[in-house]
PDB file of N, CA and C in Angstrom:
ATOM      1  N   MET A   1      12.287   6.322  39.049  1.00  0.00           N
ATOM      2  CA  MET A   1      12.593   5.887  40.073  1.00  0.00           C
ATOM      3  C   MET A   1      12.426   5.480  41.055  1.00  0.00           C
ATOM      4  N   SER A   2      12.661   5.145  42.577  1.00  0.00           N
ATOM      5  CA  SER A   2      13.521   4.383  43.916  1.00  0.00           C
ATOM      6  C   SER A   2      11.953   3.394  43.879  1.00  0.00           C
ATOM      7  N   GLU A   3      13.295   2.777  44.389  1.00  0.00           N
ATOM      8  CA  GLU A   3      11.999   1.592  45.233  1.00  0.00           C
ATOM      9  C   GLU A   3      10.919   1.945  46.940  1.00  0.00           C
ATOM     10  N   ILE A   4       9.722   1.524  45.962  1.00  0.00           N
ATOM     11  CA  ILE A   4       8.725   2.121  47.461  1.00  0.00           C
ATOM     12  C   ILE A   4       8.462   1.019  49.024  1.00  0.00           C
ATOM     13  N   ALA A   5       8.918   1.867  50.066  1.00  0.00           N
ATOM     14  CA  ALA A   5       8.514   0.602  50.384  1.00  0.00           C
ATOM     15  C   ALA A   5       7.402  -0.444  51.303  1.00  0.00           C
ATOM     16  N   SER A   6       7.320  -1.706  50.873  1.00  0.00           N
ATOM     17  CA  SER A   6       6.047  -2.530  51.447  1.00  0.00           C
ATOM     18  C   SER A   6       5.294  -2.231  52.541  1.00  0.00           C
ATOM     19  N   GLU A   7       5.929  -1.428  52.380  1.00  0.00           N
ATOM     20  CA  GLU A   7       4.194  -1.194  54.051  1.00  0.00           C
ATOM     21  C   GLU A   7       3.754   0.250  53.126  1.00  0.00           C
ATOM     22  N   VAL A   8       4.209   0.477  52.525  1.00  0.00           N
ATOM     23  CA  VAL A   8       3.524   2.345  51.909  1.00  0.00           C
ATOM     24  C   VAL A   8       2.997   1.113  50.602  1.00  0.00           C
ATOM     25  N   LEU A   9       2.897   0.224  49.939  1.00  0.00           N
ATOM     26  CA  LEU A   9       2.702  -0.220  49.398  1.00  0.00           C
ATOM     27  C   LEU A   9       1.101  -1.424  49.885  1.00  0.00           C
ATOM     28  N   GLU A  10       1.307  -2.081  50.616  1.00  0.00           N
ATOM     29  CA  GLU A  10       0.776  -2.860  51.702  1.00  0.00           C
ATOM     30  C   GLU A  10      -0.520  -1.580  52.172  1.00  0.00           C
ATOM     31  N   ALA A  11      -0.427  -0.247  52.086  1.00  0.00           N
ATOM     32  CA  ALA A  11      -1.574   0.810  52.825  1.00  0.00           C
ATOM     33  C   ALA A  11      -2.050   1.274  51.838  1.00  0.00           C
ATOM     34  N   VAL A  12      -1.231   1.516  50.526  1.00  0.00           N
ATOM     35  CA  VAL A  12      -1.910   1.610  49.999  1.00  0.00           C
ATOM     36  C   VAL A  12      -3.210   1.107  49.289  1.00  0.00           C
ATOM     37  N   GLN A  13      -2.837   0.574  48.880  1.00  0.00           N
ATOM     38  CA  GLN A  13      -3.426  -1.370  48.736  1.00  0.00           C
ATOM     39  C   GLN A  13      -5.026  -1.105  49.290  1.00  0.00           C
ATOM     40  N   ARG A  14      -4.751  -1.129  50.840  1.00  0.00           N
ATOM     41  CA  ARG A  14      -6.069  -1.185  51.629  1.00  0.00           C
ATOM     42  C   ARG A  14      -6.519  -0.171  51.863  1.00  0.00           C
ATOM     43  N   ALA A  15      -5.979   0.732  51.921  1.00  0.00           N
ATOM     44  CA  ALA A  15      -7.184   1.771  51.116  1.00  0.00           C
ATOM     45  C   ALA A  15      -8.147   1.972  50.741  1.00  0.00           C
ATOM     46  N   ALA A  16      -7.424   2.058  49.125  1.00  0.00           N
ATOM     47  CA  ALA A  16      -8.124   1.691  48.576  1.00  0.00           C
ATOM     48  C   ALA A  16      -9.476   0.600  47.588  1.00  0.00           C
ATOM     49  N   LYS A  17     -10.509   1.050  48.170  1.00  0.00           N
ATOM     50  CA  LYS A  17     -11.339   0.730  47.261  1.00  0.00           C
ATOM     51  C   LYS A  17     -12.269   0.777  45.894  1.00  0.00           C
ATOM     52  N   ASP A  18     -11.659  -0.708  45.590  1.00  0.00           N
ATOM     53  CA  ASP A  18     -12.226  -0.380  43.636  1.00  0.00           C
ATOM     54  C   ASP A  18     -11.326   0.305  43.267  1.00  0.00           C
ATOM     55  N   GLY A  19     -10.292  -0.380  43.313  1.00  0.00           N
ATOM     56  CA  GLY A  19      -9.106   0.276  42.392  1.00  0.00           C
ATOM     57  C   GLY A  19      -8.528   1.434  42.223  1.00  0.00           C
ATOM     58  N   ARG A  20      -9.251   2.128  43.934  1.00  0.00           N
ATOM     59  CA  ARG A  20      -9.283   4.251  43.158  1.00  0.00           C
ATOM     60  C   ARG A  20      -9.324   4.704  46.017  1.00  0.00           C
ATOM     61  N   ILE A  21      -8.948   5.676  45.332  1.00  0.00           N
ATOM     62  CA  ILE A  21      -8.093   6.217  46.844  1.00  0.00           C
ATOM     63  C   ILE A  21      -8.960   7.946  46.813  1.00  0.00           C
ATOM     64  N   SER A  22      -9.696   8.146  48.369  1.00  0.00           N
ATOM     65  CA  SER A  22      -9.913   9.868  47.573  1.00  0.00           C
ATOM     66  C   SER A  22      -7.778  10.574  48.069  1.00  0.00           C
ATOM     67  N   CYS A  23      -7.950  11.989  47.370  1.00  0.00           N
ATOM     68  CA  CYS A  23      -7.099  12.544  48.023  1.00  0.00           C
ATOM     69  C   CYS A  23      -6.856  13.211  49.362  1.00  0.00           C
ATOM     70  N   THR A  24      -7.325  13.019  50.153  1.00  0.00           N
ATOM     71  CA  THR A  24      -7.169  13.191  51.622  1.00  0.00           C
ATOM     72  C   THR A  24      -6.807  11.845  52.248  1.00  0.00           C
ATOM     73  N   GLU A  25      -7.692  10.127  51.867  1.00  0.00           N
ATOM     74  CA  GLU A  25      -6.898   9.707  51.763  1.00  0.00           C
ATOM     75  C   GLU A  25      -5.898   9.938  52.356  1.00  0.00           C
ATOM     76  N   ALA A  26      -5.073   9.674  50.910  1.00  0.00           N
ATOM     77  CA  ALA A  26      -3.717   9.521  50.733  1.00  0.00           C
ATOM     78  C   ALA A  26      -3.553  10.186  51.105  1.00  0.00           C
ATOM     79  N   ARG A  27      -3.207  11.825  51.061  1.00  0.00           N
ATOM     80  CA  ARG A  27      -2.248  12.532  52.744  1.00  0.00           C
ATOM     81  C   ARG A  27      -3.162  12.392  54.030  1.00  0.00           C
ATOM     82  N   LYS A  28      -3.333  11.311  54.528  1.00  0.00           N
ATOM     83  CA  LYS A  28      -3.639  10.885  55.247  1.00  0.00           C
ATOM     84  C   LYS A  28      -2.146  10.067  55.757  1.00  0.00           C
ATOM     85  N   LEU A  29      -2.395   9.075  54.558  1.00  0.00           N
ATOM     86  CA  LEU A  29      -1.273   7.596  55.109  1.00  0.00           C
ATOM     87  C   LEU A  29      -0.614   8.621  54.574  1.00  0.00           C
ATOM     88  N   ALA A  30       0.349   9.328  53.631  1.00  0.00           N
ATOM     89  CA  ALA A  30       1.695   9.721  53.788  1.00  0.00           C
ATOM     90  C   ALA A  30       1.827  10.136  55.290  1.00  0.00           C
ATOM     91  N   GLU A  31       0.738  10.932  56.061  1.00  0.00           N
ATOM     92  CA  GLU A  31       0.946  11.656  57.031  1.00  0.00           C
ATOM     93  C   GLU A  31       1.201  10.371  58.268  1.00  0.00           C
ATOM     94  N   GLU A  32       0.887   9.524  57.555  1.00  0.00           N
ATOM     95  CA  GLU A  32       0.047   8.983  58.936  1.00  0.00           C
ATOM     96  C   GLU A  32       2.197   7.505  59.302  1.00  0.00           C
ATOM     97  N   LEU A  33       2.106   7.629  57.618  1.00  0.00           N
ATOM     98  CA  LEU A  33       3.784   6.351  57.197  1.00  0.00           C
ATOM     99  C   LEU A  33       4.475   7.465  57.148  1.00  0.00           C
ATOM    100  N   LYS A  34       4.309   8.706  57.111  1.00  0.00           N
ATOM    101  CA  LYS A  34       5.935   9.416  57.474  1.00  0.00           C
ATOM    102  C   LYS A  34       6.321   9.949  56.681  1.00  0.00           C
ATOM    103  N   VAL A  35       5.626   9.738  55.669  1.00  0.00           N
ATOM    104  CA  VAL A  35       6.651   9.776  54.334  1.00  0.00           C
ATOM    105  C   VAL A  35       6.291  11.181  53.180  1.00  0.00           C
ATOM    106  N   PRO A  36       6.739  11.398  52.188  1.00  0.00           N
ATOM    107  CA  PRO A  36       6.259  12.237  51.450  1.00  0.00           C
ATOM    108  C   PRO A  36       4.918  12.140  50.271  1.00  0.00           C
ATOM    109  N   VAL A  37       4.452  12.641  49.732  1.00  0.00           N
ATOM    110  CA  VAL A  37       2.935  12.502  49.846  1.00  0.00           C
ATOM    111  C   VAL A  37       3.493  11.939  48.209  1.00  0.00           C
ATOM    112  N   GLY A  38       3.978  12.964  47.752  1.00  0.00           N
ATOM    113  CA  GLY A  38       4.779  11.932  45.705  1.00  0.00           C
ATOM    114  C   GLY A  38       4.354  10.762  46.115  1.00  0.00           C
ATOM    115  N   VAL A  39       5.436   9.890  47.548  1.00  0.00           N
ATOM    116  CA  VAL A  39       5.773   8.594  47.851  1.00  0.00           C
ATOM    117  C   VAL A  39       4.160   7.522  47.512  1.00  0.00           C
ATOM    118  N   VAL A  40       3.342   8.423  48.474  1.00  0.00           N
ATOM    119  CA  VAL A  40       1.853   7.595  48.108  1.00  0.00           C
ATOM    120  C   VAL A  40       1.579   7.373  47.027  1.00  0.00           C
ATOM    121  N   GLY A  41       1.681   8.775  46.179  1.00  0.00           N
ATOM    122  CA  GLY A  41       1.287   9.091  44.008  1.00  0.00           C
ATOM    123  C   GLY A  41       2.426   8.511  43.804  1.00  0.00           C
ATOM    124  N   GLU A  42       3.546   8.046  44.299  1.00  0.00           N
ATOM    125  CA  GLU A  42       4.163   6.763  43.322  1.00  0.00           C
ATOM    126  C   GLU A  42       3.638   4.948  43.535  1.00  0.00           C
ATOM    127  N   ALA A  43       3.070   4.727  44.417  1.00  0.00           N
ATOM    128  CA  ALA A  43       2.549   3.867  45.120  1.00  0.00           C
ATOM    129  C   ALA A  43       1.203   3.700  44.836  1.00  0.00           C
ATOM    130  N   ALA A  44       0.361   4.385  43.810  1.00  0.00           N
ATOM    131  CA  ALA A  44      -0.702   4.398  44.117  1.00  0.00           C
ATOM    132  C   ALA A  44      -0.827   3.338  41.788  1.00  0.00           C
ATOM    133  N   ASP A  45       0.707   4.478  41.384  1.00  0.00           N
ATOM    134  CA  ASP A  45       1.006   4.493  39.908  1.00  0.00           C
ATOM    135  C   ASP A  45       1.353   2.868  39.777  1.00  0.00           C
ATOM    136  N   GLU A  46       2.103   1.760  40.821  1.00  0.00           N
ATOM    137  CA  GLU A  46       2.771   0.837  41.062  1.00  0.00           C
ATOM    138  C   GLU A  46       1.504   0.145  40.503  1.00  0.00           C
ATOM    139  N   LEU A  47       0.710   0.407  41.667  1.00  0.00           N
ATOM    140  CA  LEU A  47      -0.471  -0.305  42.224  1.00  0.00           C
ATOM    141  C   LEU A  47      -1.655  -0.305  41.405  1.00  0.00           C
ATOM    142  N   LYS A  48      -1.881   0.521  40.205  1.00  0.00           N
ATOM    143  CA  LYS A  48      -2.636   1.434  39.543  1.00  0.00           C
ATOM    144  C   LYS A  48      -3.901   1.800  40.064  1.00  0.00           C
ATOM    145  N   VAL A  49      -3.990   2.386  40.748  1.00  0.00           N
ATOM    146  CA  VAL A  49      -4.665   2.689  41.790  1.00  0.00           C
ATOM    147  C   VAL A  49      -5.127   4.143  41.549  1.00  0.00           C
ATOM    148  N   LYS A  50      -5.840   4.587  41.499  1.00  0.00           N
ATOM    149  CA  LYS A  50      -6.648   6.269  40.578  1.00  0.00           C
ATOM    150  C   LYS A  50      -6.631   7.183  42.033  1.00  0.00           C
ATOM    151  N   ILE A  51      -5.968   7.895  41.856  1.00  0.00           N
ATOM    152  CA  ILE A  51      -6.105   8.556  43.150  1.00  0.00           C
ATOM    153  C   ILE A  51      -7.363   9.458  42.633  1.00  0.00           C
ATOM    154  N   LYS A  52      -9.042   9.559  43.687  1.00  0.00           N
ATOM    155  CA  LYS A  52     -10.374  10.967  43.075  1.00  0.00           C
ATOM    156  C   LYS A  52     -10.059  12.076  44.495  1.00  0.00           C
ATOM    157  N   ALA A  53     -10.649  13.204  43.154  1.00  0.00           N
ATOM    158  CA  ALA A  53     -11.119  13.779  44.953  1.00  0.00           C
ATOM    159  C   ALA A  53     -10.280  14.896  44.314  1.00  0.00           C
ATOM    160  N   CYS A  54      -8.793  14.901  43.627  1.00  0.00           N
ATOM    161  CA  CYS A  54      -8.173  16.198  44.223  1.00  0.00           C
ATOM    162  C   CYS A  54      -8.013  17.060  44.429  1.00  0.00           C
ATOM    163  N   GLU A  55      -7.210  17.864  45.564  1.00  0.00           N
ATOM    164  CA  GLU A  55      -7.737  18.571  45.793  1.00  0.00           C
ATOM    165  C   GLU A  55      -6.662  19.533  45.858  1.00  0.00           C
ATOM    166  N   LEU A  56      -5.501  19.275  46.027  1.00  0.00           N
ATOM    167  CA  LEU A  56      -4.301  19.801  45.577  1.00  0.00           C
ATOM    168  C   LEU A  56      -3.288  19.523  44.677  1.00  0.00           C
ATOM    169  N   GLY A  57      -3.622  19.169  43.596  1.00  0.00           N
ATOM    170  CA  GLY A  57      -2.828  19.112  42.503  1.00  0.00           C
ATOM    171  C   GLY A  57      -1.914  17.578  42.989  1.00  0.00           C
ATOM    172  N   CYS A  58      -2.314  17.384  43.986  1.00  0.00           N
ATOM    173  CA  CYS A  58      -0.468  16.695  44.510  1.00  0.00           C
ATOM    174  C   CYS A  58      -0.393  15.186  43.474  1.00  0.00           C
ATOM    175  N   PHE A  59      -1.322  15.213  43.196  1.00  0.00           N
ATOM    176  CA  PHE A  59      -0.497  13.535  42.646  1.00  0.00           C
ATOM    177  C   PHE A  59      -0.979  14.037  41.249  1.00  0.00           C
TER     178      PHE A  59
END
């Protein structure tokens, strides 16, 4: 696994409510940060943030 940019980690941490983030929010973050959805998923894994209500199986 490659190093995840601090701005991605911080954005996921801010978006996570009670250690969870929705799939929709995660995909929106990826778009805003101009990174692949997989990078947001890796950041969530590293931060122990669960992605809920996954719609497309991206995470």
